[in-house]
């Protein structure tokens, strides 16, 4: 069966979607040979949505963790929103972290359809740190595919949701030059939650736009949060924001935290070095 499936895949033919063959291919996801599992997964992916119920059943109930892992990864290839409830259940309930991570990957592959479920995980006080980290990653992966949903999430009442949404806005800003997303980042710099401010400071360092970002980051060197001050200094360094050297010098002289001082010093050293390199050209 695997040989025939390989032949069909090489020929660009879609395997037949009859239930008996689908069940055999799903069973094949437990094969100890990785290449064999890949053949069955790719074939199920080629079958498409017809295979989703069997894959979801395997994801929910199969005793073999290899099958559950492969089922989640195969659902990523298909990207059918019908699987979202089962994928969410796997994220929250499966004991295997690989299954959890693969389930989030499959959720993100459905695009905007996954945003509400991911936000629900982030806003649930019973979610574990693992669940929230995976949900944040999934939201970032969806990125620019769901601009409206991310904008709404950036103004959520839940700190964790706002933090994850701000982290996910980078692609939206870079790929779409989304001006509303830029405004949301600016708003986040003044958020009452230090986690949100810190995430916004980190994001500014990733956007490769020092002319815009440096004036926004420099006031954060006086933020009440150690983490925000550190993130702001690191982002200024990444941006090679030489205009911030004097502000960093003032911040270092006034800094009381032994955790923040080394970060300010490194940022200053790197920016001064870059300034010398520019002057020598």
C-alpha atoms as a PDB file:
ATOM      1  CA  UNK A   1       0.000   0.000   0.000  1.00  0.00           C
ATOM      2  CA  UNK A   2       2.787   2.424   0.864  1.00  0.00           C
ATOM      3  CA  UNK A   3       4.495   1.780  -2.482  1.00  0.00           C
ATOM      4  CA  UNK A   4       1.298   2.513  -4.369  1.00  0.00           C
ATOM      5  CA  UNK A   5       0.729   5.685  -2.350  1.00  0.00           C
ATOM      6  CA  UNK A   6       4.279   6.835  -3.126  1.00  0.00           C
ATOM      7  CA  UNK A   7       3.671   6.225  -6.808  1.00  0.00           C
ATOM      8  CA  UNK A   8       0.470   8.256  -6.717  1.00  0.00           C
ATOM      9  CA  UNK A   9       2.157  11.116  -4.874  1.00  0.00           C
ATOM     10  CA  UNK A  10       5.033  11.197  -7.366  1.00  0.00           C
ATOM     11  CA  UNK A  11       2.531  11.229 -10.220  1.00  0.00           C
ATOM     12  CA  UNK A  12       0.575  14.045  -8.623  1.00  0.00           C
ATOM     13  CA  UNK A  13      -2.499  11.868  -8.254  1.00  0.00           C
ATOM     14  CA  UNK A  14      -4.835  12.176  -5.309  1.00  0.00           C
ATOM     15  CA  UNK A  15      -5.244   8.926  -3.365  1.00  0.00           C
ATOM     16  CA  UNK A  16      -8.810   7.627  -3.245  1.00  0.00           C
ATOM     17  CA  UNK A  17     -10.768   8.936  -0.281  1.00  0.00           C
ATOM     18  CA  UNK A  18     -12.676   5.818   0.653  1.00  0.00           C
ATOM     19  CA  UNK A  19     -13.003   5.226   4.375  1.00  0.00           C
ATOM     20  CA  UNK A  20     -11.284   1.854   4.441  1.00  0.00           C
ATOM     21  CA  UNK A  21      -8.116   3.230   2.839  1.00  0.00           C
ATOM     22  CA  UNK A  22      -8.193   6.302   5.081  1.00  0.00           C
ATOM     23  CA  UNK A  23      -8.383   4.095   8.176  1.00  0.00           C
ATOM     24  CA  UNK A  24      -5.435   2.030   6.958  1.00  0.00           C
ATOM     25  CA  UNK A  25      -3.382   5.150   6.310  1.00  0.00           C
ATOM     26  CA  UNK A  26      -4.205   6.519   9.759  1.00  0.00           C
ATOM     27  CA  UNK A  27      -3.116   3.199  11.269  1.00  0.00           C
ATOM     28  CA  UNK A  28       0.092   3.547   9.264  1.00  0.00           C
ATOM     29  CA  UNK A  29       0.919   6.730  11.164  1.00  0.00           C
ATOM     30  CA  UNK A  30       2.086   4.456  13.974  1.00  0.00           C
ATOM     31  CA  UNK A  31       4.686   2.712  11.806  1.00  0.00           C
ATOM     32  CA  UNK A  32       8.111   2.776  13.515  1.00  0.00           C
ATOM     33  CA  UNK A  33       9.762   3.818  10.239  1.00  0.00           C
ATOM     34  CA  UNK A  34       9.791   7.585   9.829  1.00  0.00           C
ATOM     35  CA  UNK A  35       9.748   7.571   6.021  1.00  0.00           C
ATOM     36  CA  UNK A  36       6.789   5.227   6.050  1.00  0.00           C
ATOM     37  CA  UNK A  37       4.878   7.525   8.422  1.00  0.00           C
ATOM     38  CA  UNK A  38       5.720  10.447   6.141  1.00  0.00           C
ATOM     39  CA  UNK A  39       4.243   8.635   3.148  1.00  0.00           C
ATOM     40  CA  UNK A  40       0.983   7.999   4.976  1.00  0.00           C
ATOM     41  CA  UNK A  41       0.855  11.567   6.315  1.00  0.00           C
ATOM     42  CA  UNK A  42       1.456  13.110   2.888  1.00  0.00           C
ATOM     43  CA  UNK A  43      -1.133  10.814   1.354  1.00  0.00           C
ATOM     44  CA  UNK A  44      -3.710  11.764   3.977  1.00  0.00           C
ATOM     45  CA  UNK A  45      -2.839  15.391   3.380  1.00  0.00           C
ATOM     46  CA  UNK A  46      -3.498  14.873  -0.319  1.00  0.00           C
ATOM     47  CA  UNK A  47      -6.859  13.253   0.459  1.00  0.00           C
ATOM     48  CA  UNK A  48      -7.756  16.420   2.344  1.00  0.00           C
ATOM     49  CA  UNK A  49     -10.852  17.185   4.364  1.00  0.00           C
ATOM     50  CA  UNK A  50     -12.372  13.747   3.875  1.00  0.00           C
ATOM     51  CA  UNK A  51      -9.619  12.373   6.122  1.00  0.00           C
ATOM     52  CA  UNK A  52     -10.196  14.891   8.929  1.00  0.00           C
ATOM     53  CA  UNK A  53     -12.743  12.889  10.998  1.00  0.00           C
ATOM     54  CA  UNK A  54     -10.492   9.819  11.138  1.00  0.00           C
ATOM     55  CA  UNK A  55      -7.466  11.930  12.015  1.00  0.00           C
ATOM     56  CA  UNK A  56      -9.378  13.718  14.759  1.00  0.00           C
ATOM     57  CA  UNK A  57     -10.548  10.404  16.157  1.00  0.00           C
ATOM     58  CA  UNK A  58      -6.947   9.186  16.272  1.00  0.00           C
ATOM     59  CA  UNK A  59      -5.810  12.433  17.858  1.00  0.00           C
ATOM     60  CA  UNK A  60      -8.438  12.170  20.590  1.00  0.00           C
ATOM     61  CA  UNK A  61      -8.363   8.506  21.444  1.00  0.00           C
ATOM     62  CA  UNK A  62      -5.363   6.581  20.107  1.00  0.00           C
ATOM     63  CA  UNK A  63      -3.193   4.916  22.755  1.00  0.00           C
ATOM     64  CA  UNK A  64      -0.044   5.235  20.629  1.00  0.00           C
ATOM     65  CA  UNK A  65       1.522   8.659  21.139  1.00  0.00           C
ATOM     66  CA  UNK A  66       3.307   8.366  17.784  1.00  0.00           C
ATOM     67  CA  UNK A  67      -0.069   8.152  16.052  1.00  0.00           C
ATOM     68  CA  UNK A  68      -1.405  11.152  17.968  1.00  0.00           C
ATOM     69  CA  UNK A  69       1.661  13.195  17.086  1.00  0.00           C
ATOM     70  CA  UNK A  70       1.461  12.243  13.428  1.00  0.00           C
ATOM     71  CA  UNK A  71      -2.286  12.877  13.315  1.00  0.00           C
ATOM     72  CA  UNK A  72      -1.808  16.431  14.598  1.00  0.00           C
ATOM     73  CA  UNK A  73       1.005  17.072  12.106  1.00  0.00           C
ATOM     74  CA  UNK A  74      -1.094  15.676   9.268  1.00  0.00           C
ATOM     75  CA  UNK A  75      -3.983  17.954  10.219  1.00  0.00           C
ATOM     76  CA  UNK A  76      -1.514  20.820   9.775  1.00  0.00           C
ATOM     77  CA  UNK A  77      -1.111  19.771   6.141  1.00  0.00           C
ATOM     78  CA  UNK A  78      -4.875  19.875   5.628  1.00  0.00           C
ATOM     79  CA  UNK A  79      -5.672  23.076   7.535  1.00  0.00           C
ATOM     80  CA  UNK A  80      -9.393  22.390   7.922  1.00  0.00           C
ATOM     81  CA  UNK A  81     -11.182  24.493  10.593  1.00  0.00           C
ATOM     82  CA  UNK A  82     -13.509  21.535  11.274  1.00  0.00           C
ATOM     83  CA  UNK A  83     -10.659  20.024  13.290  1.00  0.00           C
ATOM     84  CA  UNK A  84     -10.333  23.015  15.640  1.00  0.00           C
ATOM     85  CA  UNK A  85     -12.376  21.609  18.589  1.00  0.00           C
ATOM     86  CA  UNK A  86     -10.345  18.394  18.594  1.00  0.00           C
ATOM     87  CA  UNK A  87      -7.073  20.272  18.210  1.00  0.00           C
ATOM     88  CA  UNK A  88      -7.972  22.552  21.109  1.00  0.00           C
ATOM     89  CA  UNK A  89      -8.837  19.511  23.232  1.00  0.00           C
ATOM     90  CA  UNK A  90      -5.459  17.970  22.367  1.00  0.00           C
ATOM     91  CA  UNK A  91      -3.670  21.163  23.373  1.00  0.00           C
ATOM     92  CA  UNK A  92      -5.415  21.294  26.728  1.00  0.00           C
ATOM     93  CA  UNK A  93      -5.673  17.621  27.612  1.00  0.00           C
ATOM     94  CA  UNK A  94      -3.069  15.474  25.859  1.00  0.00           C
ATOM     95  CA  UNK A  95      -0.245  14.535  28.252  1.00  0.00           C
ATOM     96  CA  UNK A  96       2.398  14.654  25.520  1.00  0.00           C
ATOM     97  CA  UNK A  97       3.997  18.082  24.889  1.00  0.00           C
ATOM     98  CA  UNK A  98       4.800  17.198  21.271  1.00  0.00           C
ATOM     99  CA  UNK A  99       1.130  16.480  20.622  1.00  0.00           C
ATOM    100  CA  UNK A 100       0.226  19.773  22.288  1.00  0.00           C
ATOM    101  CA  UNK A 101       2.685  21.726  20.162  1.00  0.00           C
ATOM    102  CA  UNK A 102       1.674  19.986  16.953  1.00  0.00           C
ATOM    103  CA  UNK A 103      -1.985  20.627  17.750  1.00  0.00           C
ATOM    104  CA  UNK A 104      -1.297  24.356  18.033  1.00  0.00           C
ATOM    105  CA  UNK A 105       0.591  24.240  14.737  1.00  0.00           C
ATOM    106  CA  UNK A 106      -2.424  22.632  13.110  1.00  0.00           C
ATOM    107  CA  UNK A 107      -4.711  25.252  14.663  1.00  0.00           C
ATOM    108  CA  UNK A 108      -2.537  28.061  13.327  1.00  0.00           C
ATOM    109  CA  UNK A 109      -2.606  26.465   9.867  1.00  0.00           C
ATOM    110  CA  UNK A 110      -6.334  27.248   9.701  1.00  0.00           C
ATOM    111  CA  UNK A 111      -5.527  30.979   9.857  1.00  0.00           C
ATOM    112  CA  UNK A 112      -8.001  33.455  11.258  1.00  0.00           C
ATOM    113  CA  UNK A 113     -10.393  30.680  12.248  1.00  0.00           C
ATOM    114  CA  UNK A 114      -8.034  29.712  15.080  1.00  0.00           C
ATOM    115  CA  UNK A 115      -7.711  33.144  16.670  1.00  0.00           C
ATOM    116  CA  UNK A 116     -10.744  32.969  18.962  1.00  0.00           C
ATOM    117  CA  UNK A 117      -9.747  29.563  20.328  1.00  0.00           C
ATOM    118  CA  UNK A 118      -6.167  30.693  20.947  1.00  0.00           C
ATOM    119  CA  UNK A 119      -7.377  33.838  22.699  1.00  0.00           C
ATOM    120  CA  UNK A 120      -9.681  31.722  24.861  1.00  0.00           C
ATOM    121  CA  UNK A 121      -6.646  29.726  26.036  1.00  0.00           C
ATOM    122  CA  UNK A 122      -4.717  32.908  26.808  1.00  0.00           C
ATOM    123  CA  UNK A 123      -7.577  34.437  28.761  1.00  0.00           C
ATOM    124  CA  UNK A 124      -8.378  31.305  30.780  1.00  0.00           C
ATOM    125  CA  UNK A 125      -6.904  31.582  34.303  1.00  0.00           C
ATOM    126  CA  UNK A 126      -6.687  27.780  34.454  1.00  0.00           C
ATOM    127  CA  UNK A 127      -4.346  27.574  31.441  1.00  0.00           C
ATOM    128  CA  UNK A 128      -0.862  26.377  32.314  1.00  0.00           C
ATOM    129  CA  UNK A 129       2.298  28.255  31.385  1.00  0.00           C
ATOM    130  CA  UNK A 130       2.845  25.634  28.663  1.00  0.00           C
ATOM    131  CA  UNK A 131      -0.635  26.165  27.222  1.00  0.00           C
ATOM    132  CA  UNK A 132      -0.220  29.922  27.215  1.00  0.00           C
ATOM    133  CA  UNK A 133       3.214  29.803  25.647  1.00  0.00           C
ATOM    134  CA  UNK A 134       1.972  27.556  22.845  1.00  0.00           C
ATOM    135  CA  UNK A 135      -1.144  29.677  22.310  1.00  0.00           C
ATOM    136  CA  UNK A 136       1.019  32.819  22.085  1.00  0.00           C
ATOM    137  CA  UNK A 137       3.209  31.102  19.507  1.00  0.00           C
ATOM    138  CA  UNK A 138       0.130  30.029  17.547  1.00  0.00           C
ATOM    139  CA  UNK A 139      -1.238  33.562  17.533  1.00  0.00           C
ATOM    140  CA  UNK A 140       2.086  34.915  16.292  1.00  0.00           C
ATOM    141  CA  UNK A 141       2.146  32.235  13.577  1.00  0.00           C
ATOM    142  CA  UNK A 142      -1.288  33.326  12.330  1.00  0.00           C
ATOM    143  CA  UNK A 143       0.126  36.846  12.146  1.00  0.00           C
ATOM    144  CA  UNK A 144      -0.919  38.943   9.185  1.00  0.00           C
ATOM    145  CA  UNK A 145      -3.537  36.390   8.106  1.00  0.00           C
ATOM    146  CA  UNK A 146      -5.889  37.792  10.754  1.00  0.00           C
ATOM    147  CA  UNK A 147      -5.334  41.560  10.985  1.00  0.00           C
ATOM    148  CA  UNK A 148      -8.730  42.498  12.392  1.00  0.00           C
ATOM    149  CA  UNK A 149      -8.708  39.740  14.994  1.00  0.00           C
ATOM    150  CA  UNK A 150      -5.228  40.691  16.164  1.00  0.00           C
ATOM    151  CA  UNK A 151      -6.210  44.343  16.480  1.00  0.00           C
ATOM    152  CA  UNK A 152      -9.139  43.371  18.680  1.00  0.00           C
ATOM    153  CA  UNK A 153      -6.940  41.119  20.766  1.00  0.00           C
ATOM    154  CA  UNK A 154      -4.440  43.935  21.303  1.00  0.00           C
ATOM    155  CA  UNK A 155      -7.167  45.810  23.183  1.00  0.00           C
ATOM    156  CA  UNK A 156      -8.386  42.824  25.210  1.00  0.00           C
ATOM    157  CA  UNK A 157      -9.139  43.199  28.899  1.00  0.00           C
ATOM    158  CA  UNK A 158      -6.739  40.303  29.563  1.00  0.00           C
ATOM    159  CA  UNK A 159      -3.064  41.136  29.972  1.00  0.00           C
ATOM    160  CA  UNK A 160      -1.926  37.814  28.511  1.00  0.00           C
ATOM    161  CA  UNK A 161      -4.040  38.309  25.389  1.00  0.00           C
ATOM    162  CA  UNK A 162      -2.764  41.860  24.854  1.00  0.00           C
ATOM    163  CA  UNK A 163       0.819  40.680  25.312  1.00  0.00           C
ATOM    164  CA  UNK A 164       0.466  37.866  22.772  1.00  0.00           C
ATOM    165  CA  UNK A 165      -1.338  40.098  20.292  1.00  0.00           C
ATOM    166  CA  UNK A 166       1.348  42.784  20.461  1.00  0.00           C
ATOM    167  CA  UNK A 167       4.013  40.148  19.861  1.00  0.00           C
ATOM    168  CA  UNK A 168       2.071  38.962  16.803  1.00  0.00           C
ATOM    169  CA  UNK A 169       1.718  42.420  15.239  1.00  0.00           C
ATOM    170  CA  UNK A 170       5.244  42.456  13.835  1.00  0.00           C
ATOM    171  CA  UNK A 171       4.408  40.572  10.655  1.00  0.00           C
ATOM    172  CA  UNK A 172       1.339  42.717  10.162  1.00  0.00           C
ATOM    173  CA  UNK A 173       3.404  45.892  10.354  1.00  0.00           C
ATOM    174  CA  UNK A 174       6.188  44.603   8.135  1.00  0.00           C
ATOM    175  CA  UNK A 175       4.114  42.716   5.567  1.00  0.00           C
ATOM    176  CA  UNK A 176       1.141  45.068   5.334  1.00  0.00           C
ATOM    177  CA  UNK A 177       2.591  48.366   6.612  1.00  0.00           C
ATOM    178  CA  UNK A 178      -0.467  48.431   8.856  1.00  0.00           C
ATOM    179  CA  UNK A 179      -0.655  51.913  10.371  1.00  0.00           C
ATOM    180  CA  UNK A 180      -3.347  50.943  12.858  1.00  0.00           C
ATOM    181  CA  UNK A 181      -1.086  48.167  14.106  1.00  0.00           C
ATOM    182  CA  UNK A 182       1.675  50.741  14.593  1.00  0.00           C
ATOM    183  CA  UNK A 183      -0.690  52.823  16.698  1.00  0.00           C
ATOM    184  CA  UNK A 184      -1.504  49.768  18.802  1.00  0.00           C
ATOM    185  CA  UNK A 185       2.188  49.257  19.511  1.00  0.00           C
ATOM    186  CA  UNK A 186       2.492  52.889  20.596  1.00  0.00           C
ATOM    187  CA  UNK A 187      -0.521  52.434  22.876  1.00  0.00           C
ATOM    188  CA  UNK A 188       1.050  49.290  24.306  1.00  0.00           C
ATOM    189  CA  UNK A 189       4.135  51.252  25.367  1.00  0.00           C
ATOM    190  CA  UNK A 190       1.907  53.017  27.890  1.00  0.00           C
ATOM    191  CA  UNK A 191      -0.066  49.936  28.936  1.00  0.00           C
ATOM    192  CA  UNK A 192      -0.611  49.582  32.712  1.00  0.00           C
ATOM    193  CA  UNK A 193       0.742  46.013  32.531  1.00  0.00           C
ATOM    194  CA  UNK A 194       4.521  45.772  32.440  1.00  0.00           C
ATOM    195  CA  UNK A 195       4.331  42.536  30.410  1.00  0.00           C
ATOM    196  CA  UNK A 196       2.617  44.401  27.590  1.00  0.00           C
ATOM    197  CA  UNK A 197       5.050  47.327  27.718  1.00  0.00           C
ATOM    198  CA  UNK A 198       7.991  44.942  27.738  1.00  0.00           C
ATOM    199  CA  UNK A 199       6.649  43.029  24.729  1.00  0.00           C
ATOM    200  CA  UNK A 200       6.059  46.260  22.820  1.00  0.00           C
ATOM    201  CA  UNK A 201       9.620  47.380  23.559  1.00  0.00           C
ATOM    202  CA  UNK A 202      10.968  44.067  22.266  1.00  0.00           C
ATOM    203  CA  UNK A 203       8.833  44.265  19.130  1.00  0.00           C
ATOM    204  CA  UNK A 204      10.165  47.716  18.260  1.00  0.00           C
ATOM    205  CA  UNK A 205      13.651  46.258  18.170  1.00  0.00           C
ATOM    206  CA  UNK A 206      12.601  43.698  15.584  1.00  0.00           C
ATOM    207  CA  UNK A 207      11.015  46.067  13.080  1.00  0.00           C
ATOM    208  CA  UNK A 208      14.252  47.553  11.664  1.00  0.00           C
ATOM    209  CA  UNK A 209      12.874  51.089  11.770  1.00  0.00           C
ATOM    210  CA  UNK A 210      15.108  53.098  14.128  1.00  0.00           C
ATOM    211  CA  UNK A 211      13.843  56.487  12.963  1.00  0.00           C
ATOM    212  CA  UNK A 212      10.348  55.558  14.163  1.00  0.00           C
ATOM    213  CA  UNK A 213      11.271  53.363  17.091  1.00  0.00           C
ATOM    214  CA  UNK A 214      14.154  55.127  18.824  1.00  0.00           C
ATOM    215  CA  UNK A 215      12.151  58.160  20.057  1.00  0.00           C
ATOM    216  CA  UNK A 216       9.530  55.746  21.396  1.00  0.00           C
ATOM    217  CA  UNK A 217      12.047  53.534  23.160  1.00  0.00           C
ATOM    218  CA  UNK A 218      14.181  56.181  24.845  1.00  0.00           C
ATOM    219  CA  UNK A 219      11.514  57.246  27.400  1.00  0.00           C
ATOM    220  CA  UNK A 220      11.165  53.589  28.410  1.00  0.00           C
ATOM    221  CA  UNK A 221      14.699  53.720  29.830  1.00  0.00           C
ATOM    222  CA  UNK A 222      13.003  55.504  32.760  1.00  0.00           C
ATOM    223  CA  UNK A 223      10.122  53.016  33.065  1.00  0.00           C
ATOM    224  CA  UNK A 224       9.240  51.722  36.535  1.00  0.00           C
ATOM    225  CA  UNK A 225       9.737  48.120  35.379  1.00  0.00           C
ATOM    226  CA  UNK A 226      13.221  46.587  35.275  1.00  0.00           C
ATOM    227  CA  UNK A 227      12.177  44.321  32.419  1.00  0.00           C
ATOM    228  CA  UNK A 228      10.841  47.186  30.329  1.00  0.00           C
ATOM    229  CA  UNK A 229      14.054  49.172  30.824  1.00  0.00           C
ATOM    230  CA  UNK A 230      16.149  46.149  29.829  1.00  0.00           C
ATOM    231  CA  UNK A 231      14.049  45.434  26.748  1.00  0.00           C
ATOM    232  CA  UNK A 232      14.180  49.063  25.659  1.00  0.00           C
ATOM    233  CA  UNK A 233      17.983  49.128  25.946  1.00  0.00           C
ATOM    234  CA  UNK A 234      18.345  45.870  24.019  1.00  0.00           C
ATOM    235  CA  UNK A 235      16.043  47.097  21.251  1.00  0.00           C
ATOM    236  CA  UNK A 236      17.986  50.357  20.921  1.00  0.00           C
ATOM    237  CA  UNK A 237      21.139  48.288  20.577  1.00  0.00           C
ATOM    238  CA  UNK A 238      19.579  46.038  17.914  1.00  0.00           C
ATOM    239  CA  UNK A 239      18.401  49.084  15.991  1.00  0.00           C
ATOM    240  CA  UNK A 240      21.857  50.686  16.193  1.00  0.00           C
ATOM    241  CA  UNK A 241      20.091  53.797  17.424  1.00  0.00           C
ATOM    242  CA  UNK A 242      23.124  56.035  17.853  1.00  0.00           C
ATOM    243  CA  UNK A 243      20.866  58.985  18.657  1.00  0.00           C
ATOM    244  CA  UNK A 244      20.060  57.210  21.950  1.00  0.00           C
ATOM    245  CA  UNK A 245      23.646  57.190  23.272  1.00  0.00           C
ATOM    246  CA  UNK A 246      23.257  60.294  25.428  1.00  0.00           C
ATOM    247  CA  UNK A 247      19.919  59.059  26.829  1.00  0.00           C
ATOM    248  CA  UNK A 248      21.479  55.696  27.666  1.00  0.00           C
ATOM    249  CA  UNK A 249      24.344  57.450  29.441  1.00  0.00           C
ATOM    250  CA  UNK A 250      21.879  59.387  31.583  1.00  0.00           C
ATOM    251  CA  UNK A 251      19.874  56.226  32.261  1.00  0.00           C
ATOM    252  CA  UNK A 252      22.988  54.277  33.283  1.00  0.00           C
ATOM    253  CA  UNK A 253      24.066  57.003  35.699  1.00  0.00           C
ATOM    254  CA  UNK A 254      20.640  56.945  37.348  1.00  0.00           C
ATOM    255  CA  UNK A 255      20.070  53.172  37.267  1.00  0.00           C
ATOM    256  CA  UNK A 256      19.783  51.503  40.681  1.00  0.00           C
ATOM    257  CA  UNK A 257      19.104  47.909  39.594  1.00  0.00           C
ATOM    258  CA  UNK A 258      22.046  45.517  39.353  1.00  0.00           C
ATOM    259  CA  UNK A 259      19.972  43.518  36.868  1.00  0.00           C
ATOM    260  CA  UNK A 260      19.512  46.429  34.482  1.00  0.00           C
ATOM    261  CA  UNK A 261      22.924  48.118  34.695  1.00  0.00           C
ATOM    262  CA  UNK A 262      24.824  45.435  32.702  1.00  0.00           C
ATOM    263  CA  UNK A 263      22.240  45.603  29.914  1.00  0.00           C
ATOM    264  CA  UNK A 264      22.567  49.378  29.690  1.00  0.00           C
ATOM    265  CA  UNK A 265      26.357  49.065  29.665  1.00  0.00           C
ATOM    266  CA  UNK A 266      26.345  46.509  26.831  1.00  0.00           C
ATOM    267  CA  UNK A 267      23.925  48.606  24.804  1.00  0.00           C
ATOM    268  CA  UNK A 268      26.110  51.682  25.259  1.00  0.00           C
ATOM    269  CA  UNK A 269      29.284  49.797  24.344  1.00  0.00           C
ATOM    270  CA  UNK A 270      27.764  48.453  21.138  1.00  0.00           C
ATOM    271  CA  UNK A 271      26.282  51.777  20.075  1.00  0.00           C
ATOM    272  CA  UNK A 272      29.538  53.636  20.766  1.00  0.00           C
ATOM    273  CA  UNK A 273      31.432  51.041  18.745  1.00  0.00           C
ATOM    274  CA  UNK A 274      28.973  51.447  15.885  1.00  0.00           C
ATOM    275  CA  UNK A 275      29.369  55.236  16.128  1.00  0.00           C
ATOM    276  CA  UNK A 276      33.160  54.893  15.863  1.00  0.00           C
ATOM    277  CA  UNK A 277      32.809  52.572  12.875  1.00  0.00           C
ATOM    278  CA  UNK A 278      30.581  55.110  11.137  1.00  0.00           C
ATOM    279  CA  UNK A 279      32.915  57.982  11.936  1.00  0.00           C
ATOM    280  CA  UNK A 280      35.891  56.043  10.522  1.00  0.00           C
ATOM    281  CA  UNK A 281      34.223  55.463   7.177  1.00  0.00           C
END
